[in-house]
């Protein structure tokens, strides 16, 4: 049976507090900026996807995805 390795986003000096809300939001934006710059087929962006998926609640991600589709996302993409 293969071993499953669980990881979360690495520590980031830009977010020193225990509240990781901003860290989550930043990683989500970094992922989508990477996709815009390198394309959907680029594997280079996958690390950002893993980071935001481990930090962000699913409800937030769903809402942000809907906002991006509707053109109302509040962040700088």
Protein backbone atom coordinates (compact mmCIF):
# COMPACT_ATOMS: atom_id res chain seq x y z
CA UNK A 1 0.00 0.00 0.00
CA UNK A 2 1.39 3.41 -0.98
CA UNK A 3 2.14 5.95 1.73
CA UNK A 4 0.13 9.15 1.76
CA UNK A 5 2.09 12.27 2.59
CA UNK A 6 0.14 15.21 3.99
CA UNK A 7 1.61 18.69 3.75
CA UNK A 8 0.46 22.23 4.23
CA UNK A 9 1.78 25.53 2.93
CA UNK A 10 5.26 26.40 4.18
CA UNK A 11 5.74 29.20 6.69
CA UNK A 12 5.81 32.63 5.08
CA UNK A 13 7.50 35.56 6.81
CA UNK A 14 4.89 37.91 5.30
CA UNK A 15 2.27 36.33 7.58
CA UNK A 16 3.79 35.96 11.06
CA UNK A 17 0.54 35.81 13.06
CA UNK A 18 -1.61 32.81 13.78
CA UNK A 19 -4.51 34.28 11.79
CA UNK A 20 -3.88 32.89 8.32
CA UNK A 21 -6.74 34.63 6.49
CA UNK A 22 -4.49 36.94 4.52
CA UNK A 23 -2.05 34.11 3.80
CA UNK A 24 -4.93 32.06 2.36
CA UNK A 25 -6.15 34.96 0.19
CA UNK A 26 -2.63 35.72 -1.08
CA UNK A 27 -1.96 32.11 -2.07
CA UNK A 28 -5.29 31.97 -3.92
CA UNK A 29 -4.35 35.10 -5.87
CA UNK A 30 -0.82 33.79 -6.56
CA UNK A 31 -2.29 30.62 -8.01
CA UNK A 32 -4.59 32.46 -10.40
CA UNK A 33 -1.89 34.94 -11.41
CA UNK A 34 0.39 32.00 -12.18
CA UNK A 35 -2.30 30.39 -14.35
CA UNK A 36 -2.80 33.67 -16.21
CA UNK A 37 0.94 34.03 -16.81
CA UNK A 38 1.88 30.43 -17.61
CA UNK A 39 -1.37 28.86 -18.80
CA UNK A 40 -3.70 26.20 -17.43
CA UNK A 41 -1.45 23.37 -18.58
CA UNK A 42 1.56 24.56 -16.58
CA UNK A 43 2.46 22.31 -13.67
CA UNK A 44 4.41 25.15 -12.08
CA UNK A 45 1.25 26.61 -10.56
CA UNK A 46 0.20 23.44 -8.77
CA UNK A 47 2.22 24.28 -5.64
CA UNK A 48 0.13 27.45 -5.16
CA UNK A 49 -3.05 25.40 -5.57
CA UNK A 50 -1.89 23.02 -2.85
CA UNK A 51 -1.06 25.93 -0.57
CA UNK A 52 -4.38 27.72 -0.84
CA UNK A 53 -6.35 24.47 -0.65
CA UNK A 54 -4.64 23.61 2.63
CA UNK A 55 -5.13 27.10 4.10
CA UNK A 56 -8.54 28.27 2.86
CA UNK A 57 -11.97 27.06 3.91
CA UNK A 58 -13.84 25.46 1.01
CA UNK A 59 -16.73 27.92 1.29
CA UNK A 60 -14.39 30.84 0.69
CA UNK A 61 -12.85 29.21 -2.38
CA UNK A 62 -16.30 28.45 -3.81
CA UNK A 63 -17.39 32.05 -3.29
CA UNK A 64 -14.19 33.44 -4.81
CA UNK A 65 -14.54 31.16 -7.82
CA UNK A 66 -18.10 32.40 -8.34
CA UNK A 67 -16.93 36.01 -8.00
CA UNK A 68 -14.18 35.46 -10.57
CA UNK A 69 -16.71 33.96 -12.99
CA UNK A 70 -19.04 36.93 -12.46
CA UNK A 71 -16.24 39.51 -12.71
CA UNK A 72 -16.78 40.74 -9.14
CA UNK A 73 -13.72 39.27 -7.41
CA UNK A 74 -12.27 41.91 -5.07
CA UNK A 75 -8.62 40.91 -5.44
CA UNK A 76 -5.98 41.93 -7.97
CA UNK A 77 -5.83 39.12 -10.49
